[in-house]
Amino acid sequence: TLSAADPGAPLYPPPPPAAASTFSGPSHCRPSSCLRSVRIRCACRFDCFKAELGHHVGVNYLFAPWASALLLLQCAPSPFLRPERPAWAFAVPILVLDVKVYGQWFTKGRKYCLSAVANPTSQMTVIANMAAAAAAAAATTDLKEIATCMFTVGLAHYLVLFVTLYQRLAGSESLLPALLRPVFFLFFAAPATASVAWAAISGGGGFDTAAKMLFFLSFFLFLCLVSRPMLFWRSMRTFSLAWWAYSFPLTVLALAAEKYAQEVKGGVPNAIMLVLSLVSALVTVALILFSAFNPALLLPHRDPFLPQPSIPS
């Protein structure tokens, strides 16, 4: 069962995120569609939701619907940004999950301490906080305090998580199965999202020094990963949902590169922006096609977070 598994090994590949291309997605997408799926899951499969909430890997995916809704909110038509539908309504669930996840890292002893449960999917919690900060800052100036709050919480825990994962994953083949190595791309997704969020918080439409520093960190981590293709070779032999971990990081990195190119004029920034945008678009289209030809993987019959029935001897 999952409860007996190594707490450090991510056991569940990232689902196809609704925000895989949210920053460039169509404006008719509604954030409510992301939340509707959460309500359906809670109503029809509450046992699965409860198991996911108590699992050290599965709980990270509970941030995804809210982050997707916040990202969709930024490309939605203006009626979604009216005061009666503020971004904080989507940020509150993320803050509640922050209290649960981050709180248990230092209050529940060895079972839930960060050094025992940290895995690359834990960075989804940081990405959700940065998405909330970006959405709150973009919605209205009245939400700048909420945006700063969410950014601060996410950045503080990202620093701790980043160092922990560097130490924990180094030289260890057993902590991360080869099939799930695409989630390594989440390493540069977090600072790229933070770069975009800080640019929104600082205002003025500029890309200041702090945003550039976060972008450079993200781009450096991206280069470290793509320069080692053999790291992902075994995971690329057969299509799996873990491949969707490539999509969102490339998209948000391309967006950060676009903002950097607007601020720093020149041939090199423009070339980086164009290459990353092209790669992001091609990867997203390829993943959609692969998923369309493998529908059974999108709706598995067995929920991986539920304990499996024991086989009688």
C-alpha atoms as a PDB file:
ATOM      1  CA  THR A   1       0.000   0.000   0.000  1.00  0.00           C
ATOM      2  CA  LEU A   2       1.001   3.619  -0.286  1.00  0.00           C
ATOM      3  CA  SER A   3       1.245   4.002   3.448  1.00  0.00           C
ATOM      4  CA  ALA A   4       4.040   1.463   3.498  1.00  0.00           C
ATOM      5  CA  ALA A   5       5.949   3.056   0.652  1.00  0.00           C
ATOM      6  CA  ASP A   6       8.991   5.235   0.901  1.00  0.00           C
ATOM      7  CA  PRO A   7       7.692   8.678   1.913  1.00  0.00           C
ATOM      8  CA  GLY A   8      10.217  10.343  -0.315  1.00  0.00           C
ATOM      9  CA  ALA A   9       9.235   8.710  -3.579  1.00  0.00           C
ATOM     10  CA  PRO A  10       6.602  10.561  -5.595  1.00  0.00           C
ATOM     11  CA  LEU A  11       4.022   7.893  -6.278  1.00  0.00           C
ATOM     12  CA  TYR A  12       1.636   9.725  -8.516  1.00  0.00           C
ATOM     13  CA  PRO A  13       2.434  11.540 -11.753  1.00  0.00           C
ATOM     14  CA  PRO A  14       1.175  15.087 -12.234  1.00  0.00           C
ATOM     15  CA  PRO A  15      -2.296  15.248 -13.743  1.00  0.00           C
ATOM     16  CA  PRO A  16      -2.692  17.205 -16.965  1.00  0.00           C
ATOM     17  CA  PRO A  17      -2.852  20.689 -15.428  1.00  0.00           C
ATOM     18  CA  ALA A  18      -5.722  22.840 -16.573  1.00  0.00           C
ATOM     19  CA  ALA A  19      -3.232  25.695 -16.526  1.00  0.00           C
ATOM     20  CA  ALA A  20      -0.684  23.978 -18.737  1.00  0.00           C
ATOM     21  CA  SER A  21      -0.973  26.900 -21.125  1.00  0.00           C
ATOM     22  CA  THR A  22      -3.107  29.209 -19.065  1.00  0.00           C
ATOM     23  CA  PHE A  23      -1.053  32.317 -19.610  1.00  0.00           C
ATOM     24  CA  SER A  24      -1.719  32.061 -23.306  1.00  0.00           C
ATOM     25  CA  GLY A  25      -5.011  30.197 -23.186  1.00  0.00           C
ATOM     26  CA  PRO A  26      -8.314  31.285 -24.640  1.00  0.00           C
ATOM     27  CA  SER A  27     -10.165  33.983 -22.819  1.00  0.00           C
ATOM     28  CA  HIS A  28     -13.433  32.030 -22.784  1.00  0.00           C
ATOM     29  CA  CYS A  29     -12.023  29.462 -20.311  1.00  0.00           C
ATOM     30  CA  ARG A  30     -13.796  29.836 -16.987  1.00  0.00           C
ATOM     31  CA  PRO A  31     -12.148  29.383 -13.585  1.00  0.00           C
ATOM     32  CA  SER A  32     -15.400  27.795 -12.401  1.00  0.00           C
ATOM     33  CA  SER A  33     -14.728  24.755 -14.585  1.00  0.00           C
ATOM     34  CA  CYS A  34     -11.649  23.955 -12.502  1.00  0.00           C
ATOM     35  CA  LEU A  35     -13.571  24.283  -9.261  1.00  0.00           C
ATOM     36  CA  ARG A  36     -16.466  22.219 -10.558  1.00  0.00           C
ATOM     37  CA  SER A  37     -14.180  19.224 -10.896  1.00  0.00           C
ATOM     38  CA  VAL A  38     -13.161  19.618  -7.233  1.00  0.00           C
ATOM     39  CA  ARG A  39     -16.786  19.674  -6.095  1.00  0.00           C
ATOM     40  CA  ILE A  40     -17.623  16.606  -8.180  1.00  0.00           C
ATOM     41  CA  ARG A  41     -14.698  14.701  -6.748  1.00  0.00           C
ATOM     42  CA  CYS A  42     -15.621  15.637  -3.175  1.00  0.00           C
ATOM     43  CA  ALA A  43     -19.262  14.665  -3.705  1.00  0.00           C
ATOM     44  CA  CYS A  44     -18.793  11.443  -5.663  1.00  0.00           C
ATOM     45  CA  ARG A  45     -15.426  10.186  -4.433  1.00  0.00           C
ATOM     46  CA  PHE A  46     -15.030  11.631  -0.962  1.00  0.00           C
ATOM     47  CA  ASP A  47     -13.022   8.590   0.150  1.00  0.00           C
ATOM     48  CA  CYS A  48     -10.467   9.332  -2.575  1.00  0.00           C
ATOM     49  CA  PHE A  49     -10.392  13.011  -1.639  1.00  0.00           C
ATOM     50  CA  LYS A  50      -9.822  12.146   2.024  1.00  0.00           C
ATOM     51  CA  ALA A  51      -7.019   9.734   1.146  1.00  0.00           C
ATOM     52  CA  GLU A  52      -5.439  12.354  -1.075  1.00  0.00           C
ATOM     53  CA  LEU A  53      -5.648  14.975   1.658  1.00  0.00           C
ATOM     54  CA  GLY A  54      -3.761  12.745   4.060  1.00  0.00           C
ATOM     55  CA  HIS A  55      -1.095  11.624   1.607  1.00  0.00           C
ATOM     56  CA  HIS A  56       2.274  13.386   1.565  1.00  0.00           C
ATOM     57  CA  VAL A  57       2.342  13.425  -2.255  1.00  0.00           C
ATOM     58  CA  GLY A  58      -1.351  13.619  -3.090  1.00  0.00           C
ATOM     59  CA  VAL A  59      -1.977  16.689  -0.958  1.00  0.00           C
ATOM     60  CA  ASN A  60       0.258  18.708  -3.280  1.00  0.00           C
ATOM     61  CA  TYR A  61      -2.179  18.186  -6.154  1.00  0.00           C
ATOM     62  CA  LEU A  62      -4.991  19.801  -4.184  1.00  0.00           C
ATOM     63  CA  PHE A  63      -3.285  23.113  -4.941  1.00  0.00           C
ATOM     64  CA  ALA A  64      -3.570  22.559  -8.700  1.00  0.00           C
ATOM     65  CA  PRO A  65      -7.284  23.406  -9.271  1.00  0.00           C
ATOM     66  CA  TRP A  66      -7.028  26.668  -7.340  1.00  0.00           C
ATOM     67  CA  ALA A  67      -3.794  27.649  -9.075  1.00  0.00           C
ATOM     68  CA  SER A  68      -5.374  26.824 -12.434  1.00  0.00           C
ATOM     69  CA  ALA A  69      -8.412  28.952 -11.616  1.00  0.00           C
ATOM     70  CA  LEU A  70      -6.213  31.891 -10.613  1.00  0.00           C
ATOM     71  CA  LEU A  71      -4.145  31.640 -13.774  1.00  0.00           C
ATOM     72  CA  LEU A  72      -7.265  31.404 -15.928  1.00  0.00           C
ATOM     73  CA  LEU A  73      -8.580  34.446 -14.098  1.00  0.00           C
ATOM     74  CA  GLN A  74      -5.759  36.533 -15.536  1.00  0.00           C
ATOM     75  CA  CYS A  75      -6.672  35.754 -19.150  1.00  0.00           C
ATOM     76  CA  ALA A  76     -10.428  35.869 -18.606  1.00  0.00           C
ATOM     77  CA  PRO A  77     -12.655  38.720 -19.863  1.00  0.00           C
ATOM     78  CA  SER A  78     -12.937  41.791 -17.669  1.00  0.00           C
ATOM     79  CA  PRO A  79     -16.219  40.753 -15.938  1.00  0.00           C
ATOM     80  CA  PHE A  80     -14.231  38.166 -13.966  1.00  0.00           C
ATOM     81  CA  LEU A  81     -12.106  40.926 -12.479  1.00  0.00           C
ATOM     82  CA  ARG A  82     -14.980  42.918 -11.039  1.00  0.00           C
ATOM     83  CA  PRO A  83     -15.031  43.473  -7.252  1.00  0.00           C
ATOM     84  CA  GLU A  84     -17.802  40.908  -6.716  1.00  0.00           C
ATOM     85  CA  ARG A  85     -15.470  38.212  -8.019  1.00  0.00           C
ATOM     86  CA  PRO A  86     -12.134  39.092  -6.428  1.00  0.00           C
ATOM     87  CA  ALA A  87      -9.043  36.949  -6.728  1.00  0.00           C
ATOM     88  CA  TRP A  88      -8.872  36.435  -2.994  1.00  0.00           C
ATOM     89  CA  ALA A  89     -11.869  34.079  -3.192  1.00  0.00           C
ATOM     90  CA  PHE A  90      -9.614  31.627  -5.034  1.00  0.00           C
ATOM     91  CA  ALA A  91      -6.575  32.398  -2.891  1.00  0.00           C
ATOM     92  CA  VAL A  92      -8.237  31.537   0.436  1.00  0.00           C
ATOM     93  CA  PRO A  93      -8.266  27.736  -0.215  1.00  0.00           C
ATOM     94  CA  ILE A  94      -4.565  27.934  -1.068  1.00  0.00           C
ATOM     95  CA  LEU A  95      -3.890  29.740   2.204  1.00  0.00           C
ATOM     96  CA  VAL A  96      -5.855  27.069   4.101  1.00  0.00           C
ATOM     97  CA  LEU A  97      -3.828  24.326   2.423  1.00  0.00           C
ATOM     98  CA  ASP A  98      -0.657  26.277   3.243  1.00  0.00           C
ATOM     99  CA  VAL A  99      -1.546  26.170   6.923  1.00  0.00           C
ATOM    100  CA  LYS A 100      -2.053  22.413   6.721  1.00  0.00           C
ATOM    101  CA  VAL A 101       0.976  21.479   4.620  1.00  0.00           C
ATOM    102  CA  TYR A 102       3.534  23.975   5.858  1.00  0.00           C
ATOM    103  CA  GLY A 103       2.288  23.695   9.435  1.00  0.00           C
ATOM    104  CA  GLN A 104       2.693  19.946   9.628  1.00  0.00           C
ATOM    105  CA  TRP A 105       6.258  20.197   8.307  1.00  0.00           C
ATOM    106  CA  PHE A 106       7.435  21.494  11.682  1.00  0.00           C
ATOM    107  CA  THR A 107       4.678  20.420  14.109  1.00  0.00           C
ATOM    108  CA  LYS A 108       3.974  16.741  13.398  1.00  0.00           C
ATOM    109  CA  GLY A 109       7.330  15.197  14.143  1.00  0.00           C
ATOM    110  CA  ARG A 110       9.393  12.832  12.040  1.00  0.00           C
ATOM    111  CA  LYS A 111       6.510  11.387  10.000  1.00  0.00           C
ATOM    112  CA  TYR A 112       5.640  14.690   8.289  1.00  0.00           C
ATOM    113  CA  CYS A 113       8.837  16.693   8.651  1.00  0.00           C
ATOM    114  CA  LEU A 114      10.117  18.196   5.422  1.00  0.00           C
ATOM    115  CA  SER A 115      13.245  16.068   5.298  1.00  0.00           C
ATOM    116  CA  ALA A 116      11.041  12.947   5.238  1.00  0.00           C
ATOM    117  CA  VAL A 117       8.269  13.970   2.837  1.00  0.00           C
ATOM    118  CA  ALA A 118       9.945  16.437   0.447  1.00  0.00           C
ATOM    119  CA  ASN A 119       9.753  15.497  -3.223  1.00  0.00           C
ATOM    120  CA  PRO A 120       9.686  17.527  -6.462  1.00  0.00           C
ATOM    121  CA  THR A 121       5.878  17.688  -6.452  1.00  0.00           C
ATOM    122  CA  SER A 122       6.076  19.654  -3.190  1.00  0.00           C
ATOM    123  CA  GLN A 123       6.987  22.657  -5.326  1.00  0.00           C
ATOM    124  CA  MET A 124       3.382  22.776  -6.541  1.00  0.00           C
ATOM    125  CA  THR A 125       2.537  24.402  -3.218  1.00  0.00           C
ATOM    126  CA  VAL A 126       4.978  27.217  -4.014  1.00  0.00           C
ATOM    127  CA  ILE A 127       3.667  27.580  -7.575  1.00  0.00           C
ATOM    128  CA  ALA A 128       0.114  27.935  -6.252  1.00  0.00           C
ATOM    129  CA  ASN A 129       1.178  30.699  -3.862  1.00  0.00           C
ATOM    130  CA  MET A 130       2.952  32.555  -6.647  1.00  0.00           C
ATOM    131  CA  ALA A 131      -0.054  32.159  -8.938  1.00  0.00           C
ATOM    132  CA  ALA A 132      -2.264  33.624  -6.220  1.00  0.00           C
ATOM    133  CA  ALA A 133       0.135  36.540  -5.785  1.00  0.00           C
ATOM    134  CA  ALA A 134       0.211  37.226  -9.524  1.00  0.00           C
ATOM    135  CA  ALA A 135      -3.579  37.052  -9.858  1.00  0.00           C
ATOM    136  CA  ALA A 136      -4.201  39.273  -6.841  1.00  0.00           C
ATOM    137  CA  ALA A 137      -1.695  41.865  -8.057  1.00  0.00           C
ATOM    138  CA  ALA A 138      -3.158  41.870 -11.568  1.00  0.00           C
ATOM    139  CA  ALA A 139      -6.788  42.078 -10.468  1.00  0.00           C
ATOM    140  CA  THR A 140      -6.772  45.423  -8.637  1.00  0.00           C
ATOM    141  CA  THR A 141      -4.503  47.616  -6.574  1.00  0.00           C
ATOM    142  CA  ASP A 142      -6.667  46.910  -3.509  1.00  0.00           C
ATOM    143  CA  LEU A 143      -5.323  43.338  -3.403  1.00  0.00           C
ATOM    144  CA  LYS A 144      -1.626  44.221  -3.370  1.00  0.00           C
ATOM    145  CA  GLU A 145      -1.368  43.347   0.322  1.00  0.00           C
ATOM    146  CA  ILE A 146      -2.801  39.879  -0.325  1.00  0.00           C
ATOM    147  CA  ALA A 147      -0.443  39.459  -3.246  1.00  0.00           C
ATOM    148  CA  THR A 148       2.556  40.397  -1.106  1.00  0.00           C
ATOM    149  CA  CYS A 149       1.412  38.040   1.646  1.00  0.00           C
ATOM    150  CA  MET A 150       1.039  35.051  -0.679  1.00  0.00           C
ATOM    151  CA  PHE A 151       4.369  35.830  -2.349  1.00  0.00           C
ATOM    152  CA  THR A 152       6.179  36.024   0.986  1.00  0.00           C
ATOM    153  CA  VAL A 153       4.765  32.722   2.246  1.00  0.00           C
ATOM    154  CA  GLY A 154       5.600  30.969  -1.003  1.00  0.00           C
ATOM    155  CA  LEU A 155       9.111  32.395  -1.306  1.00  0.00           C
ATOM    156  CA  ALA A 156      10.074  31.573   2.294  1.00  0.00           C
ATOM    157  CA  HIS A 157       9.039  27.944   1.948  1.00  0.00           C
ATOM    158  CA  TYR A 158      10.553  27.685  -1.528  1.00  0.00           C
ATOM    159  CA  LEU A 159      13.984  28.544  -0.140  1.00  0.00           C
ATOM    160  CA  VAL A 160      13.694  25.822   2.496  1.00  0.00           C
ATOM    161  CA  LEU A 161      12.244  23.323   0.037  1.00  0.00           C
ATOM    162  CA  PHE A 162      14.847  24.053  -2.628  1.00  0.00           C
ATOM    163  CA  VAL A 163      17.763  23.374  -0.285  1.00  0.00           C
ATOM    164  CA  THR A 164      16.083  20.250   1.123  1.00  0.00           C
ATOM    165  CA  LEU A 165      15.466  18.762  -2.322  1.00  0.00           C
ATOM    166  CA  TYR A 166      19.017  19.561  -3.438  1.00  0.00           C
ATOM    167  CA  GLN A 167      20.395  17.620  -0.483  1.00  0.00           C
ATOM    168  CA  ARG A 168      17.831  14.844  -0.529  1.00  0.00           C
ATOM    169  CA  LEU A 169      17.800  13.965  -4.228  1.00  0.00           C
ATOM    170  CA  ALA A 170      21.537  14.270  -4.807  1.00  0.00           C
ATOM    171  CA  GLY A 171      23.000  10.897  -5.741  1.00  0.00           C
ATOM    172  CA  SER A 172      19.903   8.952  -4.761  1.00  0.00           C
ATOM    173  CA  GLU A 173      18.250   6.854  -7.455  1.00  0.00           C
ATOM    174  CA  SER A 174      15.700   5.282  -5.127  1.00  0.00           C
ATOM    175  CA  LEU A 175      13.900   8.489  -4.069  1.00  0.00           C
ATOM    176  CA  LEU A 176      12.491   9.221  -7.523  1.00  0.00           C
ATOM    177  CA  PRO A 177      11.385   6.459  -9.926  1.00  0.00           C
ATOM    178  CA  ALA A 178      12.652   6.883 -13.475  1.00  0.00           C
ATOM    179  CA  LEU A 179       9.076   7.106 -14.791  1.00  0.00           C
ATOM    180  CA  LEU A 180       8.448  10.250 -12.748  1.00  0.00           C
ATOM    181  CA  ARG A 181      11.594  12.163 -13.606  1.00  0.00           C
ATOM    182  CA  PRO A 182       9.681  14.719 -15.716  1.00  0.00           C
ATOM    183  CA  VAL A 183       8.603  16.310 -12.424  1.00  0.00           C
ATOM    184  CA  PHE A 184      12.163  17.633 -12.185  1.00  0.00           C
ATOM    185  CA  PHE A 185      10.917  20.398 -14.487  1.00  0.00           C
ATOM    186  CA  LEU A 186       9.002  21.789 -11.525  1.00  0.00           C
ATOM    187  CA  PHE A 187      12.378  22.948 -10.206  1.00  0.00           C
ATOM    188  CA  PHE A 188      12.457  25.859 -12.639  1.00  0.00           C
ATOM    189  CA  ALA A 189       8.677  26.358 -12.722  1.00  0.00           C
ATOM    190  CA  ALA A 190       8.614  27.770  -9.186  1.00  0.00           C
ATOM    191  CA  PRO A 191      11.164  30.597  -9.676  1.00  0.00           C
ATOM    192  CA  ALA A 192       9.711  31.399 -13.121  1.00  0.00           C
ATOM    193  CA  THR A 193       6.231  31.799 -11.609  1.00  0.00           C
ATOM    194  CA  ALA A 194       7.730  33.854  -8.795  1.00  0.00           C
ATOM    195  CA  SER A 195       9.405  36.099 -11.375  1.00  0.00           C
ATOM    196  CA  VAL A 196       6.087  36.785 -13.113  1.00  0.00           C
ATOM    197  CA  ALA A 197       4.346  37.296  -9.765  1.00  0.00           C
ATOM    198  CA  TRP A 198       6.911  39.787  -8.530  1.00  0.00           C
ATOM    199  CA  ALA A 199       6.717  41.732 -11.782  1.00  0.00           C
ATOM    200  CA  ALA A 200       2.953  42.039 -11.214  1.00  0.00           C
ATOM    201  CA  ILE A 201       3.386  43.050  -7.581  1.00  0.00           C
ATOM    202  CA  SER A 202       6.047  45.686  -8.270  1.00  0.00           C
ATOM    203  CA  GLY A 203       3.691  47.326 -10.772  1.00  0.00           C
ATOM    204  CA  GLY A 204       4.393  49.630 -13.638  1.00  0.00           C
ATOM    205  CA  GLY A 205       4.552  46.767 -16.116  1.00  0.00           C
ATOM    206  CA  GLY A 206       8.318  46.586 -15.663  1.00  0.00           C
ATOM    207  CA  PHE A 207      10.672  43.715 -14.919  1.00  0.00           C
ATOM    208  CA  ASP A 208      12.895  44.916 -12.101  1.00  0.00           C
ATOM    209  CA  THR A 209      16.093  43.432 -10.694  1.00  0.00           C
ATOM    210  CA  ALA A 210      14.355  41.007  -8.322  1.00  0.00           C
ATOM    211  CA  ALA A 211      12.215  39.628 -11.147  1.00  0.00           C
ATOM    212  CA  LYS A 212      15.310  39.267 -13.331  1.00  0.00           C
ATOM    213  CA  MET A 213      17.138  37.368 -10.593  1.00  0.00           C
ATOM    214  CA  LEU A 214      14.286  34.877 -10.291  1.00  0.00           C
ATOM    215  CA  PHE A 215      14.157  34.512 -14.075  1.00  0.00           C
ATOM    216  CA  PHE A 216      17.904  33.881 -14.266  1.00  0.00           C
ATOM    217  CA  LEU A 217      17.616  31.215 -11.568  1.00  0.00           C
ATOM    218  CA  SER A 218      14.785  29.544 -13.447  1.00  0.00           C
ATOM    219  CA  PHE A 219      16.649  29.679 -16.756  1.00  0.00           C
ATOM    220  CA  PHE A 220      19.801  28.283 -15.153  1.00  0.00           C
ATOM    221  CA  LEU A 221      17.904  25.326 -13.689  1.00  0.00           C
ATOM    222  CA  PHE A 222      16.287  24.780 -17.087  1.00  0.00           C
ATOM    223  CA  LEU A 223      19.701  24.625 -18.756  1.00  0.00           C
ATOM    224  CA  CYS A 224      20.948  22.206 -16.093  1.00  0.00           C
ATOM    225  CA  LEU A 225      18.100  19.816 -16.877  1.00  0.00           C
ATOM    226  CA  VAL A 226      18.033  20.006 -20.684  1.00  0.00           C
ATOM    227  CA  SER A 227      21.798  19.488 -20.810  1.00  0.00           C
ATOM    228  CA  ARG A 228      21.269  16.048 -19.264  1.00  0.00           C
ATOM    229  CA  PRO A 229      18.836  14.292 -21.627  1.00  0.00           C
ATOM    230  CA  MET A 230      19.835  10.845 -20.375  1.00  0.00           C
ATOM    231  CA  LEU A 231      18.228  11.714 -17.056  1.00  0.00           C
ATOM    232  CA  PHE A 232      14.832  11.568 -18.773  1.00  0.00           C
ATOM    233  CA  TRP A 233      15.568   8.821 -21.291  1.00  0.00           C
ATOM    234  CA  ARG A 234      13.920   5.972 -19.362  1.00  0.00           C
ATOM    235  CA  SER A 235      10.815   8.037 -18.624  1.00  0.00           C
ATOM    236  CA  MET A 236      10.360   8.859 -22.327  1.00  0.00           C
ATOM    237  CA  ARG A 237      10.127   5.277 -23.567  1.00  0.00           C
ATOM    238  CA  THR A 238       6.384   5.014 -22.919  1.00  0.00           C
ATOM    239  CA  PHE A 239       3.834   7.819 -22.649  1.00  0.00           C
ATOM    240  CA  SER A 240       2.523   8.523 -19.167  1.00  0.00           C
ATOM    241  CA  LEU A 241       0.736  11.365 -17.423  1.00  0.00           C
ATOM    242  CA  ALA A 242       4.065  12.348 -15.906  1.00  0.00           C
ATOM    243  CA  TRP A 243       4.915  13.882 -19.276  1.00  0.00           C
ATOM    244  CA  TRP A 244       2.484  16.711 -18.493  1.00  0.00           C
ATOM    245  CA  ALA A 245       5.080  17.946 -16.009  1.00  0.00           C
ATOM    246  CA  TYR A 246       6.937  19.358 -19.028  1.00  0.00           C
ATOM    247  CA  SER A 247       4.135  21.651 -20.146  1.00  0.00           C
ATOM    248  CA  PHE A 248       3.478  24.245 -17.471  1.00  0.00           C
ATOM    249  CA  PRO A 249       7.140  24.862 -16.508  1.00  0.00           C
ATOM    250  CA  LEU A 250       8.060  25.542 -20.137  1.00  0.00           C
ATOM    251  CA  THR A 251       5.034  27.811 -20.553  1.00  0.00           C
ATOM    252  CA  VAL A 252       5.698  29.954 -17.502  1.00  0.00           C
ATOM    253  CA  LEU A 253       9.422  30.131 -18.315  1.00  0.00           C
ATOM    254  CA  ALA A 254       8.540  31.352 -21.814  1.00  0.00           C
ATOM    255  CA  LEU A 255       6.260  33.977 -20.291  1.00  0.00           C
ATOM    256  CA  ALA A 256       9.006  35.177 -17.957  1.00  0.00           C
ATOM    257  CA  ALA A 257      11.395  35.301 -20.932  1.00  0.00           C
ATOM    258  CA  GLU A 258       8.871  37.395 -22.859  1.00  0.00           C
ATOM    259  CA  LYS A 259       8.657  39.908 -20.024  1.00  0.00           C
ATOM    260  CA  TYR A 260      12.448  39.956 -19.760  1.00  0.00           C
ATOM    261  CA  ALA A 261      12.783  40.582 -23.516  1.00  0.00           C
ATOM    262  CA  GLN A 262      10.365  43.493 -23.258  1.00  0.00           C
ATOM    263  CA  GLU A 263      12.460  45.060 -20.518  1.00  0.00           C
ATOM    264  CA  VAL A 264      15.913  44.295 -21.917  1.00  0.00           C
ATOM    265  CA  LYS A 265      15.999  45.039 -25.615  1.00  0.00           C
ATOM    266  CA  GLY A 266      18.388  42.988 -27.688  1.00  0.00           C
ATOM    267  CA  GLY A 267      18.832  40.035 -29.990  1.00  0.00           C
ATOM    268  CA  VAL A 268      19.726  37.486 -27.307  1.00  0.00           C
ATOM    269  CA  PRO A 269      16.668  38.106 -25.072  1.00  0.00           C
ATOM    270  CA  ASN A 270      14.404  37.987 -28.129  1.00  0.00           C
ATOM    271  CA  ALA A 271      16.005  34.751 -29.316  1.00  0.00           C
ATOM    272  CA  ILE A 272      15.538  33.138 -25.890  1.00  0.00           C
ATOM    273  CA  MET A 273      11.908  34.254 -25.835  1.00  0.00           C
ATOM    274  CA  LEU A 274      11.178  32.896 -29.320  1.00  0.00           C
ATOM    275  CA  VAL A 275      12.874  29.542 -28.718  1.00  0.00           C
ATOM    276  CA  LEU A 276      11.159  28.973 -25.377  1.00  0.00           C
ATOM    277  CA  SER A 277       7.771  30.022 -26.753  1.00  0.00           C
ATOM    278  CA  LEU A 278       8.119  27.679 -29.710  1.00  0.00           C
ATOM    279  CA  VAL A 279       9.226  24.767 -27.542  1.00  0.00           C
ATOM    280  CA  SER A 280       6.385  25.414 -25.096  1.00  0.00           C
ATOM    281  CA  ALA A 281       3.768  25.457 -27.864  1.00  0.00           C
ATOM    282  CA  LEU A 282       5.112  22.308 -29.535  1.00  0.00           C
ATOM    283  CA  VAL A 283       5.321  20.393 -26.260  1.00  0.00           C
ATOM    284  CA  THR A 284       1.775  21.364 -25.265  1.00  0.00           C
ATOM    285  CA  VAL A 285       0.334  20.336 -28.643  1.00  0.00           C
ATOM    286  CA  ALA A 286       2.258  17.051 -28.554  1.00  0.00           C
ATOM    287  CA  LEU A 287       0.989  16.257 -25.056  1.00  0.00           C
ATOM    288  CA  ILE A 288      -2.601  16.954 -26.082  1.00  0.00           C
ATOM    289  CA  LEU A 289      -2.245  14.577 -29.024  1.00  0.00           C
ATOM    290  CA  PHE A 290      -0.597  11.849 -26.954  1.00  0.00           C
ATOM    291  CA  SER A 291      -3.309  12.183 -24.307  1.00  0.00           C
ATOM    292  CA  ALA A 292      -6.046  12.025 -26.953  1.00  0.00           C
ATOM    293  CA  PHE A 293      -4.639   8.734 -28.228  1.00  0.00           C
ATOM    294  CA  ASN A 294      -4.298   7.335 -24.699  1.00  0.00           C
ATOM    295  CA  PRO A 295      -7.601   8.191 -22.983  1.00  0.00           C
ATOM    296  CA  ALA A 296      -7.369   5.258 -20.577  1.00  0.00           C
ATOM    297  CA  LEU A 297      -4.488   6.949 -18.788  1.00  0.00           C
ATOM    298  CA  LEU A 298      -6.580  10.045 -18.045  1.00  0.00           C
ATOM    299  CA  LEU A 299      -9.277   8.153 -16.143  1.00  0.00           C
ATOM    300  CA  PRO A 300      -7.616   5.252 -14.306  1.00  0.00           C
ATOM    301  CA  HIS A 301      -9.849   2.652 -12.711  1.00  0.00           C
ATOM    302  CA  ARG A 302      -7.730   2.519  -9.560  1.00  0.00           C
ATOM    303  CA  ASP A 303      -7.152   5.569  -7.414  1.00  0.00           C
ATOM    304  CA  PRO A 304      -3.474   5.473  -6.409  1.00  0.00           C
ATOM    305  CA  PHE A 305      -4.095   7.113  -3.040  1.00  0.00           C
ATOM    306  CA  LEU A 306      -6.508   4.483  -1.742  1.00  0.00           C
ATOM    307  CA  PRO A 307      -5.028   1.514   0.123  1.00  0.00           C
ATOM    308  CA  GLN A 308      -5.119  -1.560  -2.045  1.00  0.00           C
ATOM    309  CA  PRO A 309      -7.076  -4.599  -0.830  1.00  0.00           C
ATOM    310  CA  SER A 310      -4.869  -7.259   0.611  1.00  0.00           C
ATOM    311  CA  ILE A 311      -4.559 -10.510  -1.281  1.00  0.00           C
ATOM    312  CA  PRO A 312      -5.431 -13.497   0.936  1.00  0.00           C
ATOM    313  CA  SER A 313      -2.656 -15.976   1.299  1.00  0.00           C
END
